[in-house]
Amino acid sequence: MTPATIPQTTDQRIVLPERTWKQFKLIQQGFEASPGVHLFYYDGTVEILMPGREHEVFKGIIALLLGIFFEENDIEFEPTGAMTQEREKVVSAQADESYCIGTSKLTPDLVIEVVFTSGGSAKLQRYQVLEVPEVWFWQDGLFTLYRLRQDRYEQITQSEIPELAMLDFDLLTRCVLLGETSRLQAIREFRQAIQTRK
């Protein structure tokens, strides 16, 4: 394997302060042919994130397990992934995963961010402007959950989305970590635990 084909294992993050919305839109156009790159804008700062392999593995495992949870509990959902969410001239964000629960909506009910670099609090500020009801961060092997209350996010220990209120985060966390080494084992354990609790 030549150096050019070695997968990027860690995230690469570029922060460009003091940029206008117009400059951000030009940068965004420049990355149109690079769908794996995530772009953010808030408070005059542009962030360019190129996710590494670990980032994408954990993102994929979380999405896979949530899909099983929805299916096993007969919950209708719309996975909106990393769709761009914007408020013109104010904020633009691309979550790692996002979901509308029940019915399709302009603003997803839930966004999930896998964090391998800094910037968690800045991400919350972006989603607050976008009025996303619930945000989950996966960082250092743990989930941290936030719920939007009027004008700010408060940390919570359990999802307040009614369809997700019964989701066991200890189980989810354990299976996400297990999925790093065996996706099949993670799926089997997660599904079996859900079925046992029905």
N, C-alpha and C. Protein backbone atom coordinates (compact mmCIF):
# COMPACT_ATOMS: atom_id res chain seq x y z
N MET A 1 0.85 -1.19 0.00
CA MET A 1 0.00 0.00 0.00
C MET A 1 0.89 1.25 0.00
N THR A 2 0.69 2.10 -0.97
CA THR A 2 1.49 3.31 -1.04
C THR A 2 0.95 4.35 -0.07
N PRO A 3 1.75 5.33 0.33
CA PRO A 3 1.27 6.36 1.26
C PRO A 3 0.00 7.06 0.80
N ALA A 4 -0.19 7.19 -0.51
CA ALA A 4 -1.37 7.88 -1.03
C ALA A 4 -2.66 7.11 -0.79
N THR A 5 -2.56 5.79 -0.56
CA THR A 5 -3.76 4.98 -0.38
C THR A 5 -4.00 4.55 1.07
N ILE A 6 -3.17 4.99 1.99
CA ILE A 6 -3.37 4.66 3.40
C ILE A 6 -4.55 5.47 3.92
N PRO A 7 -5.56 4.80 4.53
CA PRO A 7 -6.73 5.54 5.02
C PRO A 7 -6.36 6.55 6.11
N GLN A 8 -7.02 7.67 6.09
CA GLN A 8 -6.83 8.68 7.12
C GLN A 8 -7.54 8.21 8.37
N THR A 9 -6.80 7.95 9.45
CA THR A 9 -7.41 7.37 10.65
C THR A 9 -8.00 8.43 11.59
N THR A 10 -7.42 9.62 11.59
CA THR A 10 -7.90 10.65 12.51
C THR A 10 -8.55 11.81 11.74
N ASP A 11 -9.42 12.53 12.43
CA ASP A 11 -10.08 13.67 11.81
C ASP A 11 -9.07 14.78 11.50
N GLN A 12 -9.32 15.50 10.43
CA GLN A 12 -8.56 16.71 10.13
C GLN A 12 -9.55 17.87 10.18
N ARG A 13 -9.19 18.89 10.94
CA ARG A 13 -10.11 20.01 11.19
C ARG A 13 -9.40 21.32 10.90
N ILE A 14 -10.01 22.14 10.07
CA ILE A 14 -9.47 23.45 9.75
C ILE A 14 -10.48 24.50 10.19
N VAL A 15 -10.02 25.48 10.95
CA VAL A 15 -10.90 26.56 11.43
C VAL A 15 -10.42 27.87 10.82
N LEU A 16 -11.37 28.57 10.18
CA LEU A 16 -11.06 29.85 9.53
C LEU A 16 -11.89 30.95 10.17
N PRO A 17 -11.30 31.75 11.07
CA PRO A 17 -12.06 32.83 11.72
C PRO A 17 -12.22 34.04 10.80
N GLU A 18 -13.10 34.93 11.21
CA GLU A 18 -13.32 36.22 10.54
C GLU A 18 -13.66 36.04 9.06
N ARG A 19 -14.65 35.21 8.81
CA ARG A 19 -15.13 35.00 7.45
C ARG A 19 -16.58 35.43 7.34
N THR A 20 -16.94 35.95 6.19
CA THR A 20 -18.33 36.37 5.97
C THR A 20 -19.14 35.18 5.45
N TRP A 21 -20.46 35.36 5.47
CA TRP A 21 -21.35 34.33 4.92
C TRP A 21 -21.05 34.12 3.43
N LYS A 22 -20.78 35.21 2.72
CA LYS A 22 -20.47 35.10 1.29
C LYS A 22 -19.20 34.28 1.07
N GLN A 23 -18.20 34.52 1.88
CA GLN A 23 -16.96 33.74 1.77
C GLN A 23 -17.23 32.26 2.08
N PHE A 24 -18.06 32.00 3.08
CA PHE A 24 -18.41 30.62 3.42
C PHE A 24 -19.08 29.93 2.23
N LYS A 25 -20.01 30.62 1.58
CA LYS A 25 -20.73 30.02 0.45
C LYS A 25 -19.78 29.69 -0.70
N LEU A 26 -18.75 30.52 -0.89
CA LEU A 26 -17.74 30.23 -1.92
C LEU A 26 -16.92 29.00 -1.53
N ILE A 27 -16.57 28.89 -0.25
CA ILE A 27 -15.84 27.71 0.22
C ILE A 27 -16.71 26.47 0.04
N GLN A 28 -17.99 26.60 0.37
CA GLN A 28 -18.94 25.49 0.24
C GLN A 28 -19.00 25.02 -1.23
N GLN A 29 -19.05 25.96 -2.15
CA GLN A 29 -19.06 25.60 -3.57
C GLN A 29 -17.80 24.84 -3.96
N GLY A 30 -16.68 25.25 -3.39
CA GLY A 30 -15.41 24.60 -3.70
C GLY A 30 -15.34 23.15 -3.25
N PHE A 31 -16.16 22.80 -2.25
CA PHE A 31 -16.16 21.43 -1.72
C PHE A 31 -17.34 20.59 -2.23
N GLU A 32 -18.06 21.10 -3.24
CA GLU A 32 -19.23 20.37 -3.75
C GLU A 32 -18.89 18.98 -4.26
N ALA A 33 -17.68 18.79 -4.76
CA ALA A 33 -17.26 17.49 -5.29
C ALA A 33 -16.62 16.62 -4.21
N SER A 34 -16.70 17.03 -2.96
CA SER A 34 -16.10 16.27 -1.84
C SER A 34 -17.18 15.97 -0.80
N PRO A 35 -18.07 14.99 -1.08
CA PRO A 35 -19.23 14.77 -0.20
C PRO A 35 -18.88 14.32 1.22
N GLY A 36 -17.69 13.80 1.46
CA GLY A 36 -17.34 13.36 2.81
C GLY A 36 -16.90 14.48 3.73
N VAL A 37 -16.67 15.66 3.18
CA VAL A 37 -16.21 16.80 3.97
C VAL A 37 -17.40 17.51 4.59
N HIS A 38 -17.33 17.81 5.89
CA HIS A 38 -18.40 18.52 6.58
C HIS A 38 -18.00 19.99 6.75
N LEU A 39 -18.94 20.87 6.42
CA LEU A 39 -18.68 22.30 6.53
C LEU A 39 -19.65 22.95 7.51
N PHE A 40 -19.11 23.88 8.30
CA PHE A 40 -19.91 24.57 9.31
C PHE A 40 -19.62 26.07 9.25
N TYR A 41 -20.64 26.85 9.59
CA TYR A 41 -20.45 28.29 9.70
C TYR A 41 -21.27 28.79 10.87
N TYR A 42 -20.62 29.59 11.72
CA TYR A 42 -21.35 30.26 12.80
C TYR A 42 -20.49 31.38 13.36
N ASP A 43 -21.11 32.52 13.61
CA ASP A 43 -20.46 33.65 14.27
C ASP A 43 -19.15 34.04 13.56
N GLY A 44 -19.19 34.07 12.23
CA GLY A 44 -18.02 34.50 11.46
C GLY A 44 -16.90 33.49 11.34
N THR A 45 -17.12 32.27 11.80
CA THR A 45 -16.08 31.23 11.75
C THR A 45 -16.52 30.08 10.84
N VAL A 46 -15.63 29.71 9.95
CA VAL A 46 -15.85 28.54 9.08
C VAL A 46 -15.04 27.38 9.64
N GLU A 47 -15.69 26.21 9.74
CA GLU A 47 -14.98 25.00 10.15
C GLU A 47 -15.11 23.98 9.02
N ILE A 48 -13.99 23.39 8.66
CA ILE A 48 -13.95 22.34 7.65
C ILE A 48 -13.48 21.07 8.34
N LEU A 49 -14.30 20.03 8.31
CA LEU A 49 -13.96 18.77 8.98
C LEU A 49 -13.88 17.65 7.96
N MET A 50 -12.72 16.98 7.94
CA MET A 50 -12.53 15.81 7.09
C MET A 50 -12.46 14.60 8.01
N PRO A 51 -13.58 13.87 8.14
CA PRO A 51 -13.62 12.77 9.12
C PRO A 51 -12.63 11.66 8.77
N GLY A 52 -12.01 11.13 9.82
CA GLY A 52 -11.10 10.00 9.65
C GLY A 52 -11.85 8.68 9.74
N ARG A 53 -11.11 7.60 9.59
CA ARG A 53 -11.71 6.27 9.58
C ARG A 53 -12.44 5.95 10.88
N GLU A 54 -11.79 6.23 12.04
CA GLU A 54 -12.43 5.93 13.33
C GLU A 54 -13.76 6.66 13.48
N HIS A 55 -13.75 7.92 13.09
CA HIS A 55 -14.96 8.75 13.14
C HIS A 55 -16.09 8.08 12.37
N GLU A 56 -15.80 7.67 11.14
CA GLU A 56 -16.81 7.08 10.28
C GLU A 56 -17.27 5.71 10.78
N VAL A 57 -16.35 4.95 11.37
CA VAL A 57 -16.72 3.64 11.93
C VAL A 57 -17.73 3.82 13.07
N PHE A 58 -17.43 4.70 14.01
CA PHE A 58 -18.34 4.91 15.14
C PHE A 58 -19.67 5.49 14.67
N LYS A 59 -19.64 6.43 13.74
CA LYS A 59 -20.87 7.00 13.19
C LYS A 59 -21.74 5.91 12.59
N GLY A 60 -21.11 5.03 11.83
CA GLY A 60 -21.84 3.94 11.18
C GLY A 60 -22.44 2.95 12.16
N ILE A 61 -21.69 2.63 13.22
CA ILE A 61 -22.18 1.69 14.24
C ILE A 61 -23.38 2.28 14.97
N ILE A 62 -23.29 3.55 15.35
CA ILE A 62 -24.42 4.21 16.05
C ILE A 62 -25.66 4.19 15.17
N ALA A 63 -25.51 4.54 13.89
CA ALA A 63 -26.65 4.56 12.97
C ALA A 63 -27.24 3.16 12.80
N LEU A 64 -26.38 2.17 12.71
CA LEU A 64 -26.82 0.78 12.56
C LEU A 64 -27.65 0.32 13.76
N LEU A 65 -27.15 0.60 14.96
CA LEU A 65 -27.85 0.18 16.18
C LEU A 65 -29.17 0.94 16.36
N LEU A 66 -29.17 2.23 16.05
CA LEU A 66 -30.42 2.98 16.16
C LEU A 66 -31.45 2.45 15.16
N GLY A 67 -31.01 2.09 13.97
CA GLY A 67 -31.92 1.49 12.99
C GLY A 67 -32.57 0.23 13.53
N ILE A 68 -31.79 -0.59 14.23
CA ILE A 68 -32.33 -1.81 14.84
C ILE A 68 -33.34 -1.45 15.92
N PHE A 69 -33.02 -0.44 16.74
CA PHE A 69 -33.93 -0.01 17.80
C PHE A 69 -35.27 0.43 17.21
N PHE A 70 -35.21 1.25 16.17
CA PHE A 70 -36.45 1.73 15.52
C PHE A 70 -37.26 0.55 14.98
N GLU A 71 -36.59 -0.36 14.31
CA GLU A 71 -37.29 -1.49 13.70
C GLU A 71 -37.91 -2.40 14.76
N GLU A 72 -37.15 -2.73 15.79
CA GLU A 72 -37.64 -3.64 16.82
C GLU A 72 -38.81 -3.04 17.60
N ASN A 73 -38.85 -1.71 17.69
CA ASN A 73 -39.92 -1.04 18.44
C ASN A 73 -40.99 -0.43 17.55
N ASP A 74 -40.95 -0.79 16.26
CA ASP A 74 -41.97 -0.35 15.30
C ASP A 74 -42.11 1.17 15.28
N ILE A 75 -40.96 1.85 15.25
CA ILE A 75 -40.93 3.31 15.25
C ILE A 75 -40.61 3.80 13.84
N GLU A 76 -41.49 4.58 13.26
CA GLU A 76 -41.23 5.16 11.94
C GLU A 76 -40.21 6.28 12.09
N PHE A 77 -39.27 6.35 11.15
CA PHE A 77 -38.24 7.39 11.23
C PHE A 77 -37.73 7.72 9.83
N GLU A 78 -37.14 8.90 9.73
CA GLU A 78 -36.51 9.33 8.48
C GLU A 78 -35.06 9.68 8.79
N PRO A 79 -34.11 8.89 8.28
CA PRO A 79 -32.70 9.22 8.51
C PRO A 79 -32.27 10.31 7.55
N THR A 80 -31.90 11.46 8.07
CA THR A 80 -31.52 12.58 7.22
C THR A 80 -30.01 12.81 7.20
N GLY A 81 -29.26 11.91 7.84
CA GLY A 81 -27.80 11.88 7.74
C GLY A 81 -27.12 13.20 7.98
N ALA A 82 -26.23 13.55 7.05
CA ALA A 82 -25.43 14.77 7.18
C ALA A 82 -25.99 15.90 6.31
N MET A 83 -27.31 15.91 6.15
CA MET A 83 -27.89 16.98 5.32
C MET A 83 -27.50 18.35 5.88
N THR A 84 -27.34 19.30 4.98
CA THR A 84 -26.99 20.66 5.40
C THR A 84 -28.21 21.35 6.00
N GLN A 85 -28.03 21.88 7.20
CA GLN A 85 -29.08 22.66 7.88
C GLN A 85 -28.58 24.10 7.97
N GLU A 86 -29.39 25.02 7.48
CA GLU A 86 -28.92 26.41 7.44
C GLU A 86 -29.99 27.40 7.88
N ARG A 87 -29.51 28.49 8.44
CA ARG A 87 -30.29 29.70 8.60
C ARG A 87 -29.50 30.78 7.88
N GLU A 88 -30.08 31.29 6.80
CA GLU A 88 -29.39 32.19 5.88
C GLU A 88 -28.59 33.28 6.59
N LYS A 89 -27.31 33.37 6.26
CA LYS A 89 -26.36 34.39 6.73
C LYS A 89 -26.03 34.28 8.22
N VAL A 90 -26.52 33.22 8.88
CA VAL A 90 -26.27 33.08 10.32
C VAL A 90 -25.51 31.80 10.64
N VAL A 91 -26.01 30.66 10.18
CA VAL A 91 -25.43 29.38 10.58
C VAL A 91 -25.64 28.33 9.49
N SER A 92 -24.67 27.44 9.40
CA SER A 92 -24.78 26.27 8.53
C SER A 92 -24.09 25.11 9.26
N ALA A 93 -24.74 23.94 9.25
CA ALA A 93 -24.17 22.78 9.95
C ALA A 93 -24.50 21.49 9.23
N GLN A 94 -23.63 20.51 9.39
CA GLN A 94 -23.85 19.16 8.88
C GLN A 94 -23.54 18.19 10.01
N ALA A 95 -24.56 17.59 10.58
CA ALA A 95 -24.36 16.62 11.65
C ALA A 95 -23.78 15.34 11.07
N ASP A 96 -23.26 14.47 11.94
CA ASP A 96 -22.84 13.15 11.47
C ASP A 96 -24.06 12.32 11.11
N GLU A 97 -25.04 12.34 11.98
CA GLU A 97 -26.32 11.65 11.72
C GLU A 97 -27.44 12.56 12.21
N SER A 98 -28.58 12.50 11.55
CA SER A 98 -29.75 13.25 12.01
C SER A 98 -31.00 12.46 11.65
N TYR A 99 -32.05 12.66 12.46
CA TYR A 99 -33.27 11.86 12.30
C TYR A 99 -34.51 12.70 12.54
N CYS A 100 -35.51 12.46 11.71
CA CYS A 100 -36.87 12.89 12.01
C CYS A 100 -37.59 11.66 12.53
N ILE A 101 -38.24 11.78 13.66
CA ILE A 101 -38.94 10.65 14.26
C ILE A 101 -40.43 10.78 13.97
N GLY A 102 -41.03 9.71 13.48
CA GLY A 102 -42.45 9.70 13.17
C GLY A 102 -42.72 10.23 11.78
N THR A 103 -42.66 11.54 11.61
CA THR A 103 -42.94 12.16 10.31
C THR A 103 -41.77 13.01 9.85
N SER A 104 -41.73 13.29 8.57
CA SER A 104 -40.69 14.15 8.01
C SER A 104 -40.90 15.59 8.45
N LYS A 105 -39.79 16.28 8.78
CA LYS A 105 -39.85 17.66 9.24
C LYS A 105 -38.72 18.44 8.60
N LEU A 106 -38.85 19.76 8.54
CA LEU A 106 -37.77 20.59 8.01
C LEU A 106 -36.54 20.55 8.92
N THR A 107 -36.79 20.58 10.24
CA THR A 107 -35.71 20.48 11.22
C THR A 107 -35.77 19.10 11.87
N PRO A 108 -34.67 18.34 11.85
CA PRO A 108 -34.72 17.01 12.45
C PRO A 108 -34.97 17.07 13.96
N ASP A 109 -35.54 16.00 14.49
CA ASP A 109 -35.77 15.90 15.94
C ASP A 109 -34.48 15.66 16.71
N LEU A 110 -33.51 15.04 16.03
CA LEU A 110 -32.29 14.60 16.70
C LEU A 110 -31.11 14.74 15.77
N VAL A 111 -30.01 15.27 16.28
CA VAL A 111 -28.73 15.19 15.57
C VAL A 111 -27.71 14.51 16.48
N ILE A 112 -26.81 13.79 15.84
CA ILE A 112 -25.76 13.07 16.57
C ILE A 112 -24.41 13.49 16.00
N GLU A 113 -23.49 13.82 16.89
CA GLU A 113 -22.14 14.21 16.50
C GLU A 113 -21.13 13.26 17.15
N VAL A 114 -20.24 12.73 16.33
CA VAL A 114 -19.10 11.95 16.83
C VAL A 114 -17.94 12.92 16.93
N VAL A 115 -17.40 13.09 18.13
CA VAL A 115 -16.40 14.14 18.37
C VAL A 115 -15.05 13.50 18.69
N PHE A 116 -14.08 13.73 17.80
CA PHE A 116 -12.70 13.31 18.05
C PHE A 116 -11.79 14.51 18.24
N THR A 117 -12.31 15.69 17.93
CA THR A 117 -11.56 16.93 18.14
C THR A 117 -12.39 17.81 19.05
N SER A 118 -11.91 18.99 19.34
CA SER A 118 -12.65 19.90 20.22
C SER A 118 -13.81 20.54 19.47
N GLY A 119 -14.59 21.33 20.16
CA GLY A 119 -15.64 22.09 19.49
C GLY A 119 -17.05 21.71 19.86
N GLY A 120 -17.24 20.89 20.91
CA GLY A 120 -18.58 20.46 21.30
C GLY A 120 -19.50 21.61 21.64
N SER A 121 -19.01 22.57 22.41
CA SER A 121 -19.87 23.69 22.83
C SER A 121 -20.24 24.57 21.64
N ALA A 122 -19.31 24.76 20.71
CA ALA A 122 -19.60 25.55 19.51
C ALA A 122 -20.67 24.85 18.67
N LYS A 123 -20.61 23.53 18.61
CA LYS A 123 -21.61 22.77 17.87
C LYS A 123 -23.00 22.99 18.48
N LEU A 124 -23.08 23.01 19.80
CA LEU A 124 -24.37 23.24 20.46
C LEU A 124 -24.93 24.61 20.09
N GLN A 125 -24.07 25.61 20.04
CA GLN A 125 -24.53 26.96 19.68
C GLN A 125 -25.13 26.98 18.29
N ARG A 126 -24.51 26.25 17.36
CA ARG A 126 -25.04 26.18 16.00
C ARG A 126 -26.43 25.56 16.00
N TYR A 127 -26.57 24.43 16.69
CA TYR A 127 -27.84 23.72 16.68
C TYR A 127 -28.93 24.47 17.45
N GLN A 128 -28.51 25.30 18.41
CA GLN A 128 -29.47 26.13 19.12
C GLN A 128 -30.11 27.13 18.17
N VAL A 129 -29.30 27.76 17.32
CA VAL A 129 -29.82 28.71 16.34
C VAL A 129 -30.75 27.99 15.35
N LEU A 130 -30.41 26.74 15.02
CA LEU A 130 -31.22 25.96 14.09
C LEU A 130 -32.46 25.35 14.76
N GLU A 131 -32.54 25.47 16.09
CA GLU A 131 -33.67 24.98 16.89
C GLU A 131 -33.86 23.47 16.79
N VAL A 132 -32.75 22.75 16.84
CA VAL A 132 -32.80 21.28 16.87
C VAL A 132 -33.16 20.86 18.29
N PRO A 133 -34.25 20.09 18.48
CA PRO A 133 -34.71 19.78 19.84
C PRO A 133 -33.72 18.98 20.70
N GLU A 134 -32.99 18.04 20.07
CA GLU A 134 -32.11 17.19 20.89
C GLU A 134 -30.82 16.91 20.14
N VAL A 135 -29.70 16.97 20.88
CA VAL A 135 -28.37 16.73 20.32
C VAL A 135 -27.65 15.71 21.19
N TRP A 136 -27.06 14.71 20.54
CA TRP A 136 -26.24 13.71 21.24
C TRP A 136 -24.82 13.81 20.74
N PHE A 137 -23.86 13.79 21.68
CA PHE A 137 -22.45 13.70 21.32
C PHE A 137 -21.92 12.33 21.73
N TRP A 138 -21.14 11.72 20.85
CA TRP A 138 -20.37 10.53 21.20
C TRP A 138 -18.91 10.97 21.28
N GLN A 139 -18.33 10.89 22.48
CA GLN A 139 -16.94 11.32 22.68
C GLN A 139 -16.31 10.51 23.80
N ASP A 140 -15.10 10.03 23.56
CA ASP A 140 -14.34 9.26 24.55
C ASP A 140 -15.14 8.08 25.09
N GLY A 141 -15.88 7.42 24.21
CA GLY A 141 -16.60 6.20 24.60
C GLY A 141 -17.87 6.43 25.39
N LEU A 142 -18.40 7.66 25.36
CA LEU A 142 -19.62 7.97 26.12
C LEU A 142 -20.56 8.84 25.29
N PHE A 143 -21.85 8.70 25.57
CA PHE A 143 -22.84 9.61 25.01
C PHE A 143 -23.11 10.74 26.01
N THR A 144 -23.23 11.96 25.50
CA THR A 144 -23.68 13.11 26.28
C THR A 144 -24.88 13.68 25.53
N LEU A 145 -26.00 13.84 26.25
CA LEU A 145 -27.26 14.25 25.63
C LEU A 145 -27.64 15.65 26.07
N TYR A 146 -28.20 16.42 25.13
CA TYR A 146 -28.65 17.78 25.42
C TYR A 146 -30.05 17.99 24.85
N ARG A 147 -30.88 18.71 25.62
CA ARG A 147 -32.24 19.03 25.20
C ARG A 147 -32.40 20.55 25.15
N LEU A 148 -32.97 21.03 24.07
CA LEU A 148 -33.18 22.47 23.93
C LEU A 148 -34.37 22.90 24.77
N ARG A 149 -34.13 23.85 25.68
CA ARG A 149 -35.19 24.40 26.52
C ARG A 149 -35.21 25.91 26.34
N GLN A 150 -36.22 26.40 25.68
CA GLN A 150 -36.37 27.83 25.37
C GLN A 150 -35.14 28.36 24.63
N ASP A 151 -34.18 28.96 25.33
CA ASP A 151 -33.06 29.59 24.63
C ASP A 151 -31.71 28.94 24.88
N ARG A 152 -31.69 27.73 25.46
CA ARG A 152 -30.40 27.08 25.70
C ARG A 152 -30.57 25.57 25.85
N TYR A 153 -29.45 24.86 25.70
CA TYR A 153 -29.46 23.40 25.88
C TYR A 153 -29.15 23.05 27.34
N GLU A 154 -29.86 22.04 27.83
CA GLU A 154 -29.56 21.49 29.15
C GLU A 154 -29.15 20.03 28.97
N GLN A 155 -28.14 19.63 29.74
CA GLN A 155 -27.71 18.23 29.67
C GLN A 155 -28.76 17.35 30.33
N ILE A 156 -29.06 16.22 29.70
CA ILE A 156 -30.04 15.26 30.21
C ILE A 156 -29.39 13.88 30.25
N THR A 157 -30.00 12.96 30.96
CA THR A 157 -29.44 11.61 31.07
C THR A 157 -30.19 10.60 30.22
N GLN A 158 -31.39 10.97 29.77
CA GLN A 158 -32.21 10.08 28.95
C GLN A 158 -32.88 10.92 27.87
N SER A 159 -33.05 10.34 26.68
CA SER A 159 -33.70 11.08 25.61
C SER A 159 -35.11 11.50 26.02
N GLU A 160 -35.49 12.72 25.65
CA GLU A 160 -36.84 13.21 25.92
C GLU A 160 -37.71 13.17 24.66
N ILE A 161 -37.19 12.58 23.61
CA ILE A 161 -38.02 12.28 22.44
C ILE A 161 -38.89 11.08 22.84
N PRO A 162 -40.21 11.21 22.84
CA PRO A 162 -41.06 10.15 23.38
C PRO A 162 -40.73 8.74 22.86
N GLU A 163 -40.48 8.62 21.57
CA GLU A 163 -40.20 7.30 21.00
C GLU A 163 -38.87 6.72 21.45
N LEU A 164 -37.97 7.60 21.94
CA LEU A 164 -36.65 7.14 22.37
C LEU A 164 -36.48 7.10 23.88
N ALA A 165 -37.55 7.41 24.61
CA ALA A 165 -37.47 7.47 26.07
C ALA A 165 -37.08 6.13 26.69
N MET A 166 -37.39 5.02 26.00
CA MET A 166 -37.08 3.69 26.55
C MET A 166 -35.71 3.17 26.10
N LEU A 167 -34.97 3.97 25.33
CA LEU A 167 -33.66 3.53 24.87
C LEU A 167 -32.68 3.48 26.04
N ASP A 168 -32.07 2.33 26.24
CA ASP A 168 -31.11 2.11 27.33
C ASP A 168 -29.73 2.56 26.84
N PHE A 169 -29.24 3.68 27.37
CA PHE A 169 -27.97 4.20 26.89
C PHE A 169 -26.76 3.42 27.39
N ASP A 170 -26.90 2.73 28.52
CA ASP A 170 -25.81 1.84 28.94
C ASP A 170 -25.64 0.71 27.93
N LEU A 171 -26.76 0.14 27.51
CA LEU A 171 -26.72 -0.92 26.49
C LEU A 171 -26.18 -0.38 25.17
N LEU A 172 -26.69 0.76 24.73
CA LEU A 172 -26.25 1.34 23.47
C LEU A 172 -24.75 1.62 23.50
N THR A 173 -24.28 2.22 24.58
CA THR A 173 -22.85 2.53 24.72
C THR A 173 -22.01 1.27 24.66
N ARG A 174 -22.41 0.26 25.41
CA ARG A 174 -21.66 -1.01 25.43
C ARG A 174 -21.58 -1.61 24.03
N CYS A 175 -22.68 -1.58 23.30
CA CYS A 175 -22.71 -2.20 21.97
C CYS A 175 -21.97 -1.36 20.93
N VAL A 176 -21.97 -0.04 21.08
CA VAL A 176 -21.17 0.80 20.18
C VAL A 176 -19.69 0.47 20.37
N LEU A 177 -19.25 0.34 21.61
CA LEU A 177 -17.85 0.00 21.89
C LEU A 177 -17.51 -1.40 21.39
N LEU A 178 -18.44 -2.33 21.57
CA LEU A 178 -18.25 -3.70 21.07
C LEU A 178 -18.15 -3.70 19.55
N GLY A 179 -18.93 -2.83 18.91
CA GLY A 179 -18.93 -2.75 17.46
C GLY A 179 -17.62 -2.31 16.86
N GLU A 180 -16.75 -1.72 17.67
CA GLU A 180 -15.44 -1.33 17.16
C GLU A 180 -14.64 -2.55 16.73
N THR A 181 -14.86 -3.68 17.40
CA THR A 181 -14.13 -4.90 17.06
C THR A 181 -14.99 -5.93 16.32
N SER A 182 -16.31 -5.96 16.61
CA SER A 182 -17.19 -6.91 15.92
C SER A 182 -18.58 -6.31 15.73
N ARG A 183 -18.88 -5.93 14.52
CA ARG A 183 -20.20 -5.38 14.23
C ARG A 183 -21.28 -6.44 14.42
N LEU A 184 -21.01 -7.65 13.99
CA LEU A 184 -22.01 -8.72 14.12
C LEU A 184 -22.36 -8.98 15.57
N GLN A 185 -21.34 -9.06 16.43
CA GLN A 185 -21.59 -9.31 17.84
C GLN A 185 -22.37 -8.16 18.47
N ALA A 186 -22.03 -6.93 18.09
CA ALA A 186 -22.73 -5.75 18.62
C ALA A 186 -24.20 -5.80 18.22
N ILE A 187 -24.49 -6.11 16.97
CA ILE A 187 -25.87 -6.20 16.48
C ILE A 187 -26.63 -7.28 17.24
N ARG A 188 -26.02 -8.45 17.37
CA ARG A 188 -26.70 -9.57 18.03
C ARG A 188 -27.02 -9.26 19.48
N GLU A 189 -26.03 -8.71 20.21
CA GLU A 189 -26.27 -8.41 21.62
C GLU A 189 -27.32 -7.33 21.79
N PHE A 190 -27.26 -6.30 20.95
CA PHE A 190 -28.20 -5.20 21.04
C PHE A 190 -29.62 -5.68 20.73
N ARG A 191 -29.77 -6.43 19.66
CA ARG A 191 -31.09 -6.92 19.28
C ARG A 191 -31.65 -7.87 20.33
N GLN A 192 -30.82 -8.76 20.83
CA GLN A 192 -31.28 -9.73 21.84
C GLN A 192 -31.74 -9.01 23.11
N ALA A 193 -30.98 -8.00 23.54
CA ALA A 193 -31.34 -7.26 24.76
C ALA A 193 -32.67 -6.54 24.57
N ILE A 194 -32.88 -5.94 23.39
CA ILE A 194 -34.15 -5.23 23.12
C ILE A 194 -35.31 -6.22 23.13
N GLN A 195 -35.13 -7.35 22.48
CA GLN A 195 -36.20 -8.35 22.40
C GLN A 195 -36.52 -8.93 23.77
N THR A 196 -35.51 -9.09 24.61
CA THR A 196 -35.72 -9.63 25.96
C THR A 196 -36.56 -8.69 26.81
N ARG A 197 -36.42 -7.37 26.59
CA ARG A 197 -37.11 -6.38 27.41
C ARG A 197 -38.53 -6.09 26.93
N LYS A 198 -38.91 -6.63 25.82
CA LYS A 198 -40.27 -6.35 25.31
C LYS A 198 -41.33 -7.01 26.18
